[in-house]
N, C-alpha and C. Protein backbone atom coordinates (compact mmCIF):
# COMPACT_ATOMS: atom_id res chain seq x y z
N MET A 1 0.79 -1.50 -0.43
CA MET A 1 0.10 0.06 -0.01
C MET A 1 0.71 1.56 0.15
N PRO A 2 0.85 2.50 -0.89
CA PRO A 2 1.42 3.41 -0.63
C PRO A 2 1.19 3.97 0.19
N THR A 3 2.45 4.81 0.35
CA THR A 3 2.29 5.67 1.92
C THR A 3 2.42 7.48 1.05
N LEU A 4 1.32 8.06 2.28
CA LEU A 4 1.53 9.77 2.08
C LEU A 4 2.24 10.07 2.43
N GLN A 5 3.69 10.66 0.91
CA GLN A 5 4.97 11.05 1.46
C GLN A 5 4.74 12.20 2.23
N SER A 6 4.45 13.26 2.08
CA SER A 6 4.16 14.46 3.03
C SER A 6 4.24 13.98 4.32
N LEU A 7 3.33 12.53 5.02
CA LEU A 7 3.28 12.28 6.37
C LEU A 7 4.05 11.26 7.11
N ASP A 8 4.52 10.25 5.37
CA ASP A 8 6.13 10.11 5.75
C ASP A 8 6.73 10.42 6.31
N ARG A 9 6.96 11.63 5.58
CA ARG A 9 8.53 12.33 6.06
C ARG A 9 8.61 13.15 6.87
N GLY A 10 6.97 13.64 7.88
CA GLY A 10 6.77 14.07 9.35
C GLY A 10 7.11 13.15 10.13
N LEU A 11 6.33 12.01 10.32
CA LEU A 11 6.88 10.80 11.24
C LEU A 11 8.10 10.45 11.48
N ARG A 12 8.73 10.37 10.15
CA ARG A 12 10.35 10.38 10.13
C ARG A 12 11.02 11.08 11.15
N ALA A 13 10.71 12.33 10.55
CA ALA A 13 11.70 13.25 11.16
C ALA A 13 11.14 13.82 12.59
N LEU A 14 10.21 12.81 12.95
CA LEU A 14 9.57 13.24 14.45
C LEU A 14 10.50 12.12 15.07
N SER A 15 10.91 11.18 14.22
CA SER A 15 10.79 10.08 14.88
C SER A 15 12.79 10.15 15.16
N LEU A 16 13.09 10.77 14.50
CA LEU A 16 14.54 11.77 14.50
C LEU A 16 15.13 12.21 15.10
N ILE A 17 14.02 12.96 15.60
CA ILE A 17 13.88 14.25 16.41
C ILE A 17 14.43 13.48 18.14
N SER A 18 13.18 12.41 18.29
CA SER A 18 13.28 11.84 19.06
C SER A 18 13.91 11.14 19.68
N LEU A 19 15.44 10.80 19.32
CA LEU A 19 16.05 9.85 19.16
C LEU A 19 17.55 10.84 19.49
N ALA A 20 17.20 12.29 19.33
CA ALA A 20 18.29 13.04 19.67
C ALA A 20 18.21 14.24 20.77
N PRO A 21 18.65 13.52 21.54
CA PRO A 21 17.89 14.29 23.11
C PRO A 21 18.71 15.71 22.97
N GLU A 22 20.40 15.89 22.09
CA GLU A 22 20.76 17.15 22.14
C GLU A 22 20.09 18.10 21.37
N GLY A 23 19.01 17.43 20.17
CA GLY A 23 18.30 18.36 18.91
C GLY A 23 19.00 18.18 17.54
N LEU A 24 18.35 18.77 16.68
CA LEU A 24 18.96 18.17 15.41
C LEU A 24 18.29 19.77 14.44
N ALA A 25 19.57 20.43 13.76
CA ALA A 25 20.10 21.08 12.64
C ALA A 25 18.94 20.86 11.42
N VAL A 26 17.96 21.52 11.03
CA VAL A 26 17.53 21.48 10.45
C VAL A 26 18.11 20.86 8.85
N ALA A 27 19.21 21.98 9.16
CA ALA A 27 20.21 20.35 7.73
C ALA A 27 20.30 19.36 7.75
N GLU A 28 20.83 18.92 9.23
CA GLU A 28 20.22 17.54 9.74
C GLU A 28 19.45 16.43 9.25
N ILE A 29 18.81 17.45 9.89
CA ILE A 29 16.88 16.62 9.88
C ILE A 29 16.70 16.28 7.92
N ALA A 30 17.36 17.14 7.09
CA ALA A 30 17.21 17.30 5.92
C ALA A 30 18.08 15.82 4.95
N ALA A 31 19.18 15.58 5.56
CA ALA A 31 20.30 14.93 4.83
C ALA A 31 19.77 13.64 5.65
N ARG A 32 19.16 13.43 7.02
CA ARG A 32 18.99 12.28 7.12
C ARG A 32 16.95 11.53 6.68
N LEU A 33 16.86 12.30 6.02
CA LEU A 33 15.35 12.42 5.41
C LEU A 33 15.67 12.19 3.89
N GLY A 34 16.88 13.15 3.47
CA GLY A 34 17.03 12.77 2.11
C GLY A 34 16.41 13.54 1.57
N THR A 35 15.87 14.22 1.69
CA THR A 35 15.58 15.44 1.22
C THR A 35 15.87 17.25 1.31
N ASP A 36 15.28 18.24 0.29
CA ASP A 36 15.77 19.21 0.45
C ASP A 36 16.05 20.23 1.90
N ARG A 37 17.21 21.70 2.08
CA ARG A 37 16.25 21.78 3.38
C ARG A 37 14.64 22.38 3.10
N ALA A 38 14.34 23.41 2.10
CA ALA A 38 13.11 23.89 1.80
C ALA A 38 12.42 22.76 2.66
N THR A 39 12.34 21.09 1.76
CA THR A 39 11.29 20.56 2.80
C THR A 39 11.60 20.60 3.93
N ALA A 40 12.81 20.44 4.44
CA ALA A 40 13.00 20.00 6.06
C ALA A 40 12.04 21.28 6.49
N TYR A 41 12.35 22.15 6.33
CA TYR A 41 11.74 23.62 6.96
C TYR A 41 10.54 23.62 6.87
N ARG A 42 9.74 23.16 5.74
CA ARG A 42 8.16 22.52 5.83
C ARG A 42 7.88 21.95 7.10
N ILE A 43 8.50 20.91 6.77
CA ILE A 43 8.30 19.58 7.88
C ILE A 43 8.23 20.27 9.23
N VAL A 44 9.44 20.32 9.48
CA VAL A 44 9.69 21.10 11.17
C VAL A 44 8.74 22.63 11.57
N ASP A 45 8.36 22.88 10.20
CA ASP A 45 7.08 24.09 10.68
C ASP A 45 5.64 23.36 11.18
N THR A 46 5.40 22.75 9.91
CA THR A 46 4.17 21.62 11.01
C THR A 46 4.38 20.92 11.62
N LEU A 47 5.11 20.20 12.67
CA LEU A 47 5.50 19.75 13.95
C LEU A 47 5.15 20.88 14.56
N GLU A 48 5.96 22.02 14.38
CA GLU A 48 5.74 23.13 15.11
C GLU A 48 4.59 23.61 15.62
N GLN A 49 4.32 23.88 14.27
CA GLN A 49 2.63 24.53 14.32
C GLN A 49 1.72 24.02 15.28
N HIS A 50 1.84 22.32 15.87
CA HIS A 50 1.54 21.21 16.16
C HIS A 50 2.05 21.02 17.73
N ALA A 51 2.82 21.65 18.44
CA ALA A 51 3.33 21.66 19.34
C ALA A 51 4.09 20.53 19.37
N LEU A 52 4.32 19.40 18.31
CA LEU A 52 5.34 18.28 18.40
C LEU A 52 6.73 18.72 18.28
N VAL A 53 7.39 20.13 17.66
CA VAL A 53 8.80 20.39 18.19
C VAL A 53 8.96 21.86 18.54
N THR A 54 10.31 21.96 18.86
CA THR A 54 10.29 23.11 19.41
C THR A 54 11.71 23.65 19.07
N ARG A 55 11.87 24.72 19.19
CA ARG A 55 13.80 25.37 18.61
C ARG A 55 14.08 25.39 20.24
N GLY A 56 15.30 25.01 20.37
CA GLY A 56 16.45 25.45 21.14
C GLY A 56 17.31 26.10 21.17
N VAL A 57 18.35 25.57 22.13
CA VAL A 57 19.70 26.33 22.01
C VAL A 57 20.44 26.52 20.36
N GLY A 58 20.71 27.56 19.76
CA GLY A 58 21.90 27.14 18.58
C GLY A 58 20.38 26.68 17.06
N LYS A 59 19.15 26.83 17.46
CA LYS A 59 18.33 26.69 16.60
C LYS A 59 17.98 24.92 16.71
N LYS A 60 18.50 24.36 17.16
CA LYS A 60 18.15 22.89 17.43
C LYS A 60 16.56 22.72 17.64
N ILE A 61 16.27 21.56 16.75
CA ILE A 61 14.67 21.09 17.05
C ILE A 61 15.11 19.37 17.92
N ARG A 62 13.83 20.38 19.08
CA ARG A 62 13.42 19.05 19.92
C ARG A 62 12.63 18.74 19.95
N LEU A 63 11.89 17.65 20.76
CA LEU A 63 10.61 17.38 21.14
C LEU A 63 9.75 18.47 21.70
N GLY A 64 8.96 18.95 21.50
CA GLY A 64 8.00 19.47 22.24
C GLY A 64 6.84 19.18 22.73
N ALA A 65 5.77 20.19 23.96
CA ALA A 65 5.07 19.96 25.25
C ALA A 65 4.12 18.78 24.31
N GLY A 66 3.64 19.10 22.75
CA GLY A 66 2.71 18.26 22.37
C GLY A 66 2.66 16.50 22.47
N ALA A 67 4.65 16.34 22.31
CA ALA A 67 4.57 14.65 22.54
C ALA A 67 4.20 14.27 23.23
N VAL A 68 4.80 15.31 24.45
CA VAL A 68 4.66 15.05 26.38
C VAL A 68 3.09 14.40 26.47
N VAL A 69 1.98 15.28 25.54
CA VAL A 69 0.79 15.01 25.85
C VAL A 69 0.17 14.02 25.24
N PHE A 70 0.88 13.39 23.83
CA PHE A 70 0.73 12.33 23.43
C PHE A 70 0.56 11.01 24.10
N ALA A 71 2.58 11.44 24.84
CA ALA A 71 3.05 10.43 25.78
C ALA A 71 1.85 10.17 26.71
N SER A 72 1.55 11.13 27.16
CA SER A 72 0.48 11.12 28.50
C SER A 72 -0.71 10.46 28.54
N ARG A 73 -0.85 10.39 27.10
CA ARG A 73 -2.61 9.89 26.77
C ARG A 73 -1.92 8.52 26.57
N PHE A 74 -0.76 7.97 26.14
CA PHE A 74 -0.87 6.30 26.08
C PHE A 74 -0.51 5.58 27.26
N GLN A 75 -0.26 6.27 28.23
CA GLN A 75 0.16 5.63 29.31
C GLN A 75 -1.44 4.85 29.82
N PRO A 76 -1.65 5.53 30.24
CA PRO A 76 -3.65 5.00 30.58
C PRO A 76 -3.93 4.35 29.63
N GLN A 77 -3.75 4.24 28.91
CA GLN A 77 -4.10 3.19 28.07
C GLN A 77 -3.53 1.75 27.46
N LEU A 78 -2.24 1.85 27.98
CA LEU A 78 -1.11 0.91 28.11
C LEU A 78 -1.72 -0.14 29.40
N ILE A 79 -2.20 1.04 30.38
CA ILE A 79 -2.36 0.55 32.17
C ILE A 79 -3.61 -0.89 31.75
N ARG A 80 -4.91 0.12 30.93
CA ARG A 80 -6.15 -0.68 30.82
C ARG A 80 -5.87 -1.83 30.09
N ALA A 81 -5.38 -1.29 28.79
CA ALA A 81 -5.13 -3.37 27.98
C ALA A 81 -3.62 -4.26 29.12
N ALA A 82 -3.27 -3.10 29.56
CA ALA A 82 -2.40 -4.41 30.54
C ALA A 82 -3.29 -5.23 31.49
N GLY A 83 -4.42 -5.23 31.71
CA GLY A 83 -4.91 -5.96 33.46
C GLY A 83 -4.86 -7.00 32.95
N PRO A 84 -5.79 -7.97 31.66
CA PRO A 84 -5.63 -8.96 31.79
C PRO A 84 -4.67 -9.85 31.69
N VAL A 85 -3.39 -9.14 30.75
CA VAL A 85 -2.25 -9.70 31.04
C VAL A 85 -1.45 -10.00 32.37
N LEU A 86 -1.79 -8.77 33.42
CA LEU A 86 -1.28 -9.35 34.41
C LEU A 86 -2.33 -10.12 35.39
N GLN A 87 -3.38 -10.14 35.23
CA GLN A 87 -4.17 -11.08 35.89
C GLN A 87 -3.65 -12.32 35.47
N GLU A 88 -3.74 -13.24 34.33
CA GLU A 88 -2.95 -14.37 33.64
C GLU A 88 -2.03 -14.40 34.68
N LEU A 89 -0.91 -13.56 34.59
CA LEU A 89 0.60 -13.72 35.53
C LEU A 89 0.26 -14.42 36.93
N ALA A 90 -1.06 -13.70 37.29
CA ALA A 90 -0.74 -13.67 38.83
C ALA A 90 -1.25 -14.80 39.14
N ASP A 91 -2.29 -15.25 38.01
CA ASP A 91 -3.45 -16.55 38.27
C ASP A 91 -1.80 -17.47 38.17
N ALA A 92 -0.61 -17.13 37.05
CA ALA A 92 -0.65 -18.44 36.79
C ALA A 92 0.69 -18.85 37.61
N ALA A 93 1.19 -17.43 37.80
CA ALA A 93 2.62 -17.72 39.13
C ALA A 93 1.68 -18.04 40.42
N GLY A 94 1.03 -17.54 40.81
CA GLY A 94 0.16 -17.83 42.04
C GLY A 94 0.59 -16.88 42.99
N VAL A 95 1.02 -15.65 42.40
CA VAL A 95 1.31 -14.68 43.50
C VAL A 95 1.30 -13.50 42.85
N ALA A 96 1.48 -12.08 43.54
CA ALA A 96 1.14 -10.83 43.30
C ALA A 96 1.94 -10.42 41.97
N ALA A 97 1.39 -10.28 41.12
CA ALA A 97 1.98 -9.76 39.80
C ALA A 97 1.85 -7.95 39.53
N PHE A 98 3.12 -7.72 38.78
CA PHE A 98 3.21 -5.77 38.73
C PHE A 98 3.66 -5.14 37.34
N LEU A 99 2.89 -4.07 37.27
CA LEU A 99 3.58 -3.46 35.95
C LEU A 99 4.51 -2.29 36.50
N SER A 100 5.37 -2.24 35.66
CA SER A 100 6.08 -0.86 36.45
C SER A 100 7.04 0.14 35.08
N LEU A 101 6.49 1.48 35.45
CA LEU A 101 7.42 2.07 33.99
C LEU A 101 8.25 3.04 34.62
N ALA A 102 9.11 2.72 33.92
CA ALA A 102 10.10 4.01 34.28
C ALA A 102 10.00 5.31 34.46
N GLN A 103 10.28 6.26 35.66
CA GLN A 103 9.95 8.06 35.26
C GLN A 103 11.44 8.86 35.60
N GLY A 104 11.66 9.02 34.65
CA GLY A 104 13.15 9.77 34.23
C GLY A 104 14.19 8.60 34.15
N ASP A 105 15.16 9.19 33.76
CA ASP A 105 16.34 8.25 33.77
C ASP A 105 16.67 7.48 34.99
N ASP A 106 16.15 8.10 36.57
CA ASP A 106 16.77 7.04 37.52
C ASP A 106 15.34 6.41 38.40
N GLU A 107 14.69 6.64 38.29
CA GLU A 107 13.54 5.90 39.01
C GLU A 107 12.19 5.26 38.53
N CYS A 108 11.84 4.33 39.34
CA CYS A 108 10.70 3.52 38.74
C CYS A 108 9.55 3.75 39.53
N VAL A 109 8.63 3.28 39.38
CA VAL A 109 7.20 3.94 39.46
C VAL A 109 6.47 2.65 39.13
N PRO A 110 5.59 1.31 40.53
CA PRO A 110 4.34 0.80 39.61
C PRO A 110 3.13 1.53 39.78
N VAL A 111 2.76 0.90 38.32
CA VAL A 111 1.14 2.09 38.31
C VAL A 111 0.53 0.44 38.44
N LEU A 112 0.19 -0.51 38.22
CA LEU A 112 -0.73 -1.69 38.30
C LEU A 112 -0.40 -2.78 38.82
N SER A 113 -1.35 -3.32 39.52
CA SER A 113 -0.73 -4.86 40.48
C SER A 113 -2.17 -5.71 40.44
N ALA A 114 -2.05 -7.11 40.78
CA ALA A 114 -2.84 -7.86 40.38
C ALA A 114 -2.60 -9.04 41.60
N GLU A 115 -3.57 -9.29 42.17
CA GLU A 115 -3.34 -10.62 42.88
C GLU A 115 -4.14 -12.16 42.26
N PRO A 116 -3.71 -13.09 42.53
CA PRO A 116 -4.14 -14.17 42.45
C PRO A 116 -5.80 -14.49 42.66
N ALA A 117 -6.30 -15.21 41.69
CA ALA A 117 -7.31 -15.57 41.94
C ALA A 117 -7.96 -16.72 43.30
N ARG A 118 -6.75 -17.17 43.49
CA ARG A 118 -6.18 -18.53 44.61
C ARG A 118 -5.46 -17.41 45.77
N GLN A 119 -5.86 -17.11 46.59
CA GLN A 119 -4.98 -15.93 47.21
C GLN A 119 -4.46 -16.83 48.25
N THR A 120 -2.95 -16.54 48.45
CA THR A 120 -1.71 -16.90 49.56
C THR A 120 -2.43 -16.35 50.47
N ILE A 121 -1.78 -16.36 51.94
CA ILE A 121 -1.92 -16.20 52.88
C ILE A 121 -0.86 -15.12 53.53
N LEU A 122 0.34 -15.14 52.82
CA LEU A 122 1.12 -14.23 52.80
C LEU A 122 0.91 -13.62 51.26
N GLN A 123 0.97 -11.72 51.99
CA GLN A 123 0.66 -10.99 50.79
C GLN A 123 1.68 -10.17 50.73
N VAL A 124 2.28 -9.33 49.71
CA VAL A 124 3.19 -8.69 49.28
C VAL A 124 2.66 -7.21 49.43
N GLY A 125 3.34 -6.17 50.56
CA GLY A 125 2.56 -5.14 50.43
C GLY A 125 3.70 -4.02 49.45
N TYR A 126 2.99 -3.65 48.66
CA TYR A 126 3.98 -3.07 47.41
C TYR A 126 2.95 -1.87 47.01
N ARG A 127 3.22 -1.00 47.12
CA ARG A 127 2.35 0.92 46.80
C ARG A 127 2.29 1.07 45.10
N ILE A 128 1.10 0.99 44.74
CA ILE A 128 1.18 1.53 43.57
C ILE A 128 1.06 2.98 43.73
N GLY A 129 2.02 3.32 42.55
CA GLY A 129 2.42 5.12 42.29
C GLY A 129 4.00 5.40 43.29
N ALA A 130 4.14 4.87 44.12
CA ALA A 130 5.65 5.08 45.18
C ALA A 130 6.70 4.46 44.63
N SER A 131 7.35 5.90 44.07
CA SER A 131 8.82 5.78 43.17
C SER A 131 9.68 4.76 43.93
N HIS A 132 10.54 4.50 43.28
CA HIS A 132 12.17 3.73 43.94
C HIS A 132 13.13 3.91 43.03
N PRO A 133 14.72 3.65 43.33
CA PRO A 133 15.52 4.16 42.29
C PRO A 133 15.17 2.38 41.45
N LEU A 134 15.60 2.77 40.00
CA LEU A 134 15.66 1.80 39.11
C LEU A 134 16.56 0.51 39.48
N THR A 135 17.60 1.21 40.47
CA THR A 135 18.52 0.11 41.06
C THR A 135 18.44 -0.43 41.82
N ARG A 136 16.91 -0.32 42.32
CA ARG A 136 16.78 -1.64 43.49
C ARG A 136 15.25 -1.76 43.24
N GLY A 137 15.05 -3.44 43.46
CA GLY A 137 13.85 -4.02 43.22
C GLY A 137 14.03 -4.29 41.43
N ALA A 138 13.39 -6.15 41.75
CA ALA A 138 13.43 -6.82 40.29
C ALA A 138 12.97 -5.82 39.33
N ASN A 139 12.11 -5.15 39.25
CA ASN A 139 11.48 -4.54 38.41
C ASN A 139 12.14 -3.57 37.83
N GLY A 140 13.14 -2.21 38.79
CA GLY A 140 13.24 -1.15 38.00
C GLY A 140 15.06 -1.87 37.68
N ILE A 141 15.32 -3.33 38.02
CA ILE A 141 16.79 -3.67 37.33
C ILE A 141 16.08 -4.13 35.86
N ALA A 142 15.32 -4.69 35.99
CA ALA A 142 14.94 -4.89 34.70
C ALA A 142 15.01 -4.16 33.53
N ILE A 143 14.48 -3.11 33.74
CA ILE A 143 14.16 -2.10 32.94
C ILE A 143 15.79 -1.40 32.77
N LEU A 144 16.35 -1.31 33.98
CA LEU A 144 17.61 -1.11 32.98
C LEU A 144 18.48 -1.96 32.17
N ALA A 145 18.17 -3.08 32.57
CA ALA A 145 18.63 -4.73 31.33
C ALA A 145 18.34 -4.24 29.93
N LEU A 146 17.39 -3.58 29.95
CA LEU A 146 17.24 -2.93 28.35
C LEU A 146 18.13 -2.05 27.54
N ARG A 147 18.35 -1.40 28.27
CA ARG A 147 19.49 -0.29 28.01
C ARG A 147 20.65 -0.78 27.71
N PRO A 148 21.61 -0.34 26.28
CA PRO A 148 22.89 -0.71 26.31
C PRO A 148 23.44 -0.75 27.34
N ALA A 149 24.59 -1.74 26.94
CA ALA A 149 25.82 -2.22 28.35
C ALA A 149 26.57 -1.00 28.35
N ALA A 150 26.37 -0.57 29.50
CA ALA A 150 27.58 -0.15 30.51
C ALA A 150 28.53 -0.59 31.29
N ALA A 151 29.49 0.27 31.44
CA ALA A 151 30.43 0.24 32.49
C ALA A 151 30.17 0.11 34.14
N ASP A 152 29.18 1.11 34.49
CA ASP A 152 29.02 1.08 35.44
C ASP A 152 27.68 0.20 35.75
N ASP A 153 27.20 -0.57 35.14
CA ASP A 153 26.53 -1.67 35.01
C ASP A 153 26.60 -2.37 36.28
N SER A 154 25.47 -2.89 37.38
CA SER A 154 25.62 -3.86 38.12
C SER A 154 26.01 -5.20 37.91
N GLU A 155 26.20 -6.26 38.69
CA GLU A 155 26.44 -7.06 38.52
C GLU A 155 24.69 -7.90 37.79
N ALA A 156 23.98 -7.59 38.84
CA ALA A 156 22.53 -8.08 39.13
C ALA A 156 21.71 -7.18 37.20
N VAL A 157 22.54 -6.07 36.78
CA VAL A 157 21.80 -5.61 35.92
C VAL A 157 22.23 -6.70 34.61
N GLY A 158 23.61 -6.88 34.81
CA GLY A 158 24.46 -7.58 33.54
C GLY A 158 23.57 -8.92 33.46
N ARG A 159 23.45 -9.71 34.79
CA ARG A 159 23.04 -11.12 34.49
C ARG A 159 21.19 -10.96 34.15
N ALA A 160 20.46 -9.87 34.37
CA ALA A 160 19.33 -9.13 33.78
C ALA A 160 19.21 -9.60 32.31
N ARG A 161 20.03 -9.26 31.89
CA ARG A 161 20.25 -8.79 30.00
C ARG A 161 20.61 -10.46 29.78
N ASP A 162 21.79 -11.23 30.30
CA ASP A 162 21.99 -12.52 29.86
C ASP A 162 20.84 -13.49 29.97
N ASP A 163 19.93 -13.48 30.86
CA ASP A 163 18.71 -14.47 31.31
C ASP A 163 17.43 -13.72 30.92
N GLY A 164 17.13 -12.84 30.64
CA GLY A 164 16.03 -12.07 30.10
C GLY A 164 14.69 -11.80 31.28
N TYR A 165 15.60 -11.66 32.63
CA TYR A 165 14.89 -11.56 33.52
C TYR A 165 15.90 -11.39 34.81
N SER A 166 14.67 -10.25 36.16
CA SER A 166 15.97 -10.18 36.94
C SER A 166 15.73 -10.70 38.50
N VAL A 167 16.39 -10.90 38.70
CA VAL A 167 15.71 -11.72 40.37
C VAL A 167 16.11 -10.83 41.59
N THR A 168 15.49 -10.25 42.60
CA THR A 168 16.41 -9.60 43.43
C THR A 168 15.22 -10.34 44.71
N ALA A 169 16.21 -10.11 45.97
CA ALA A 169 15.28 -10.85 47.19
C ALA A 169 15.65 -9.54 48.01
N GLY A 170 15.05 -8.98 48.78
CA GLY A 170 14.37 -8.39 50.22
C GLY A 170 15.08 -7.10 50.21
N GLU A 171 14.84 -6.81 48.97
CA GLU A 171 15.48 -5.10 48.53
C GLU A 171 14.38 -3.98 48.85
N LEU A 172 13.33 -4.41 48.39
CA LEU A 172 12.04 -3.31 48.67
C LEU A 172 10.93 -3.81 49.88
N GLN A 173 10.73 -5.11 50.18
CA GLN A 173 10.72 -5.78 51.05
C GLN A 173 11.29 -6.77 51.47
N HIS A 174 11.17 -6.07 52.99
CA HIS A 174 12.20 -7.74 53.88
C HIS A 174 11.42 -8.85 53.68
N GLY A 175 12.55 -9.79 53.09
CA GLY A 175 11.69 -11.30 52.46
C GLY A 175 11.36 -11.33 51.26
N ALA A 176 10.78 -10.97 50.59
CA ALA A 176 9.96 -10.56 49.38
C ALA A 176 11.23 -10.83 48.36
N VAL A 177 10.86 -11.89 47.52
CA VAL A 177 11.48 -12.61 46.28
C VAL A 177 10.75 -12.14 45.05
N GLY A 178 11.76 -10.76 43.90
CA GLY A 178 11.09 -10.15 42.87
C GLY A 178 11.50 -11.01 41.51
N VAL A 179 10.75 -11.05 40.95
CA VAL A 179 11.25 -11.53 39.47
C VAL A 179 10.26 -10.62 38.70
N ALA A 180 11.39 -10.14 37.22
CA ALA A 180 10.46 -9.33 36.49
C ALA A 180 11.33 -9.36 35.04
N ALA A 181 10.65 -9.11 34.28
CA ALA A 181 11.32 -8.72 32.66
C ALA A 181 10.77 -7.28 32.06
N GLY A 182 12.27 -6.86 31.13
CA GLY A 182 11.42 -5.78 30.55
C GLY A 182 10.96 -5.60 29.38
N PHE A 183 10.24 -4.43 28.99
CA PHE A 183 9.50 -4.52 27.65
C PHE A 183 9.67 -3.06 27.41
N GLU A 184 10.32 -2.82 25.72
CA GLU A 184 9.99 -1.68 25.41
C GLU A 184 8.82 -0.89 25.41
N VAL A 185 8.59 0.25 26.00
CA VAL A 185 7.63 1.25 25.83
C VAL A 185 7.65 2.16 25.05
N PRO A 186 6.79 2.54 23.63
CA PRO A 186 6.72 3.60 22.49
C PRO A 186 6.52 5.30 23.62
N HIS A 187 7.57 6.01 23.23
CA HIS A 187 7.31 7.72 23.80
C HIS A 187 7.98 7.32 25.53
N LEU A 188 7.75 6.41 26.09
CA LEU A 188 8.24 5.85 27.59
C LEU A 188 9.72 5.55 27.65
N LEU A 189 10.15 5.41 28.39
CA LEU A 189 11.57 5.02 28.78
C LEU A 189 11.71 3.77 29.26
N GLY A 190 10.69 2.76 28.85
CA GLY A 190 10.87 1.02 29.37
C GLY A 190 9.32 0.57 30.51
N GLY A 191 9.51 -0.52 30.45
CA GLY A 191 8.28 -0.96 31.40
C GLY A 191 8.77 -2.30 31.83
N SER A 192 8.35 -3.05 32.75
CA SER A 192 8.69 -3.95 33.05
C SER A 192 7.40 -4.87 33.63
N VAL A 193 7.33 -6.06 33.66
CA VAL A 193 6.35 -6.63 34.37
C VAL A 193 6.70 -8.05 35.40
N GLY A 194 6.01 -8.29 36.55
CA GLY A 194 7.03 -8.72 37.74
C GLY A 194 5.92 -9.76 38.14
N VAL A 195 6.32 -10.22 39.33
CA VAL A 195 6.40 -11.19 40.12
C VAL A 195 6.79 -10.56 41.38
N VAL A 196 6.26 -10.89 43.08
CA VAL A 196 6.64 -11.00 44.06
C VAL A 196 5.84 -11.63 44.91
N ALA A 197 6.82 -12.45 45.98
CA ALA A 197 6.99 -13.55 46.28
C ALA A 197 7.25 -13.58 47.94
N MET A 198 6.38 -14.13 48.84
CA MET A 198 6.80 -14.09 50.00
C MET A 198 6.94 -15.34 50.57
N GLU A 199 7.52 -16.29 49.71
CA GLU A 199 7.82 -17.41 49.99
C GLU A 199 8.75 -18.70 48.95
N GLN A 200 9.18 -19.37 49.17
CA GLN A 200 9.86 -20.24 48.27
C GLN A 200 8.99 -20.44 46.81
N VAL A 201 9.43 -20.03 45.63
CA VAL A 201 9.24 -20.37 44.87
C VAL A 201 10.10 -20.76 43.26
N ASP A 202 9.77 -21.11 42.47
CA ASP A 202 10.50 -21.59 41.29
C ASP A 202 10.77 -20.82 40.67
N ILE A 203 12.39 -19.98 40.70
CA ILE A 203 12.64 -18.66 39.86
C ILE A 203 12.92 -19.51 38.76
N ALA A 204 13.04 -20.59 37.60
CA ALA A 204 12.85 -20.69 36.49
C ALA A 204 11.71 -20.52 35.93
N ARG A 205 10.25 -21.26 36.60
CA ARG A 205 9.47 -21.77 36.18
C ARG A 205 9.04 -19.83 36.09
N LEU A 206 9.22 -18.64 37.09
CA LEU A 206 8.61 -17.83 37.49
C LEU A 206 9.12 -16.87 36.22
N GLY A 207 10.69 -16.88 35.98
CA GLY A 207 11.45 -16.16 34.83
C GLY A 207 10.78 -16.32 33.43
N GLU A 208 9.98 -17.66 33.01
CA GLU A 208 9.26 -17.87 32.09
C GLU A 208 8.31 -16.95 31.62
N LEU A 209 7.69 -16.95 32.83
CA LEU A 209 5.99 -16.34 32.31
C LEU A 209 6.16 -15.20 32.59
N VAL A 210 7.38 -14.30 33.45
CA VAL A 210 7.03 -12.85 33.52
C VAL A 210 7.88 -12.13 31.81
N ARG A 211 8.67 -13.12 31.59
CA ARG A 211 9.40 -13.08 29.86
C ARG A 211 8.24 -13.16 28.89
N GLU A 212 7.61 -14.33 28.74
CA GLU A 212 6.37 -14.29 28.06
C GLU A 212 5.25 -12.97 28.33
N ALA A 213 4.60 -12.73 29.78
CA ALA A 213 3.83 -11.55 29.58
C ALA A 213 4.69 -10.19 29.26
N ALA A 214 6.09 -10.02 29.40
CA ALA A 214 6.54 -9.04 28.69
C ALA A 214 6.58 -8.76 27.08
N THR A 215 6.84 -10.10 26.72
CA THR A 215 6.63 -10.11 25.10
C THR A 215 5.07 -9.70 24.78
N ARG A 216 3.74 -10.35 25.50
CA ARG A 216 2.63 -10.03 25.32
C ARG A 216 2.61 -8.15 25.91
N LEU A 217 2.96 -7.97 26.53
CA LEU A 217 2.86 -6.48 26.56
C LEU A 217 3.36 -5.41 25.24
N ALA A 218 4.66 -5.92 25.09
CA ALA A 218 5.43 -5.30 24.19
C ALA A 218 4.60 -5.26 22.95
N ARG A 219 3.89 -5.99 22.38
CA ARG A 219 3.11 -6.16 21.23
C ARG A 219 1.93 -5.02 21.36
N LEU A 220 1.16 -5.17 22.88
CA LEU A 220 -0.01 -4.29 23.15
C LEU A 220 0.62 -2.54 22.81
N GLY A 221 1.90 -2.24 23.22
CA GLY A 221 2.28 -1.16 22.99
C GLY A 221 2.71 -1.32 21.31
N ARG A 222 3.26 -2.21 20.50
CA ARG A 222 3.11 -1.42 19.30
C ARG A 222 1.63 -1.42 18.40
N ALA A 223 0.72 -2.06 18.71
CA ALA A 223 -0.58 -2.18 18.22
C ALA A 223 -1.13 -1.10 18.13
């Protein structure tokens, strides 16, 4: 099916700008799109009229407030769509399941939880909306494992990157074991889905369950 060329170029330009936090000059946008500068200027002007981009220091083009508005609207949609996946995970694992999203570069926020239909005696006290450092807890470490390897990565992050899921014990709640897998979230800084238990668990089995849930949630985000 043929694409609408002007819309295609505008969306490609927006994607390029989103990947350049320092901003892009119009000439750079033109070069990367394979267009002339006049066309690139028209694209930028159109995006700017809708507040999707803005001109910063040195006239570099960066994402504008309109892009943030779209992202904020997307998050509730993701949370609603994730509900059934999270409930199925909790029921299959037999323990509480959680969806978390990155907040900025350094924090993680649980945004949704599900309890298994068959309740266990020991419950996990995990506050929705209470942020914590990405470096603590299985959910945050799973999000860090999505990022390119860095020299200062912890052993836990490296292991999560190799295994496809993270495992922590007692980091956010005494006696609690967390297992989580990360997934890419369009327009956001990453998400993770995991389970938390207060008893002996089969880590390998939970690891497979959270990886499967993360794959499903990634598909929802791209749908």
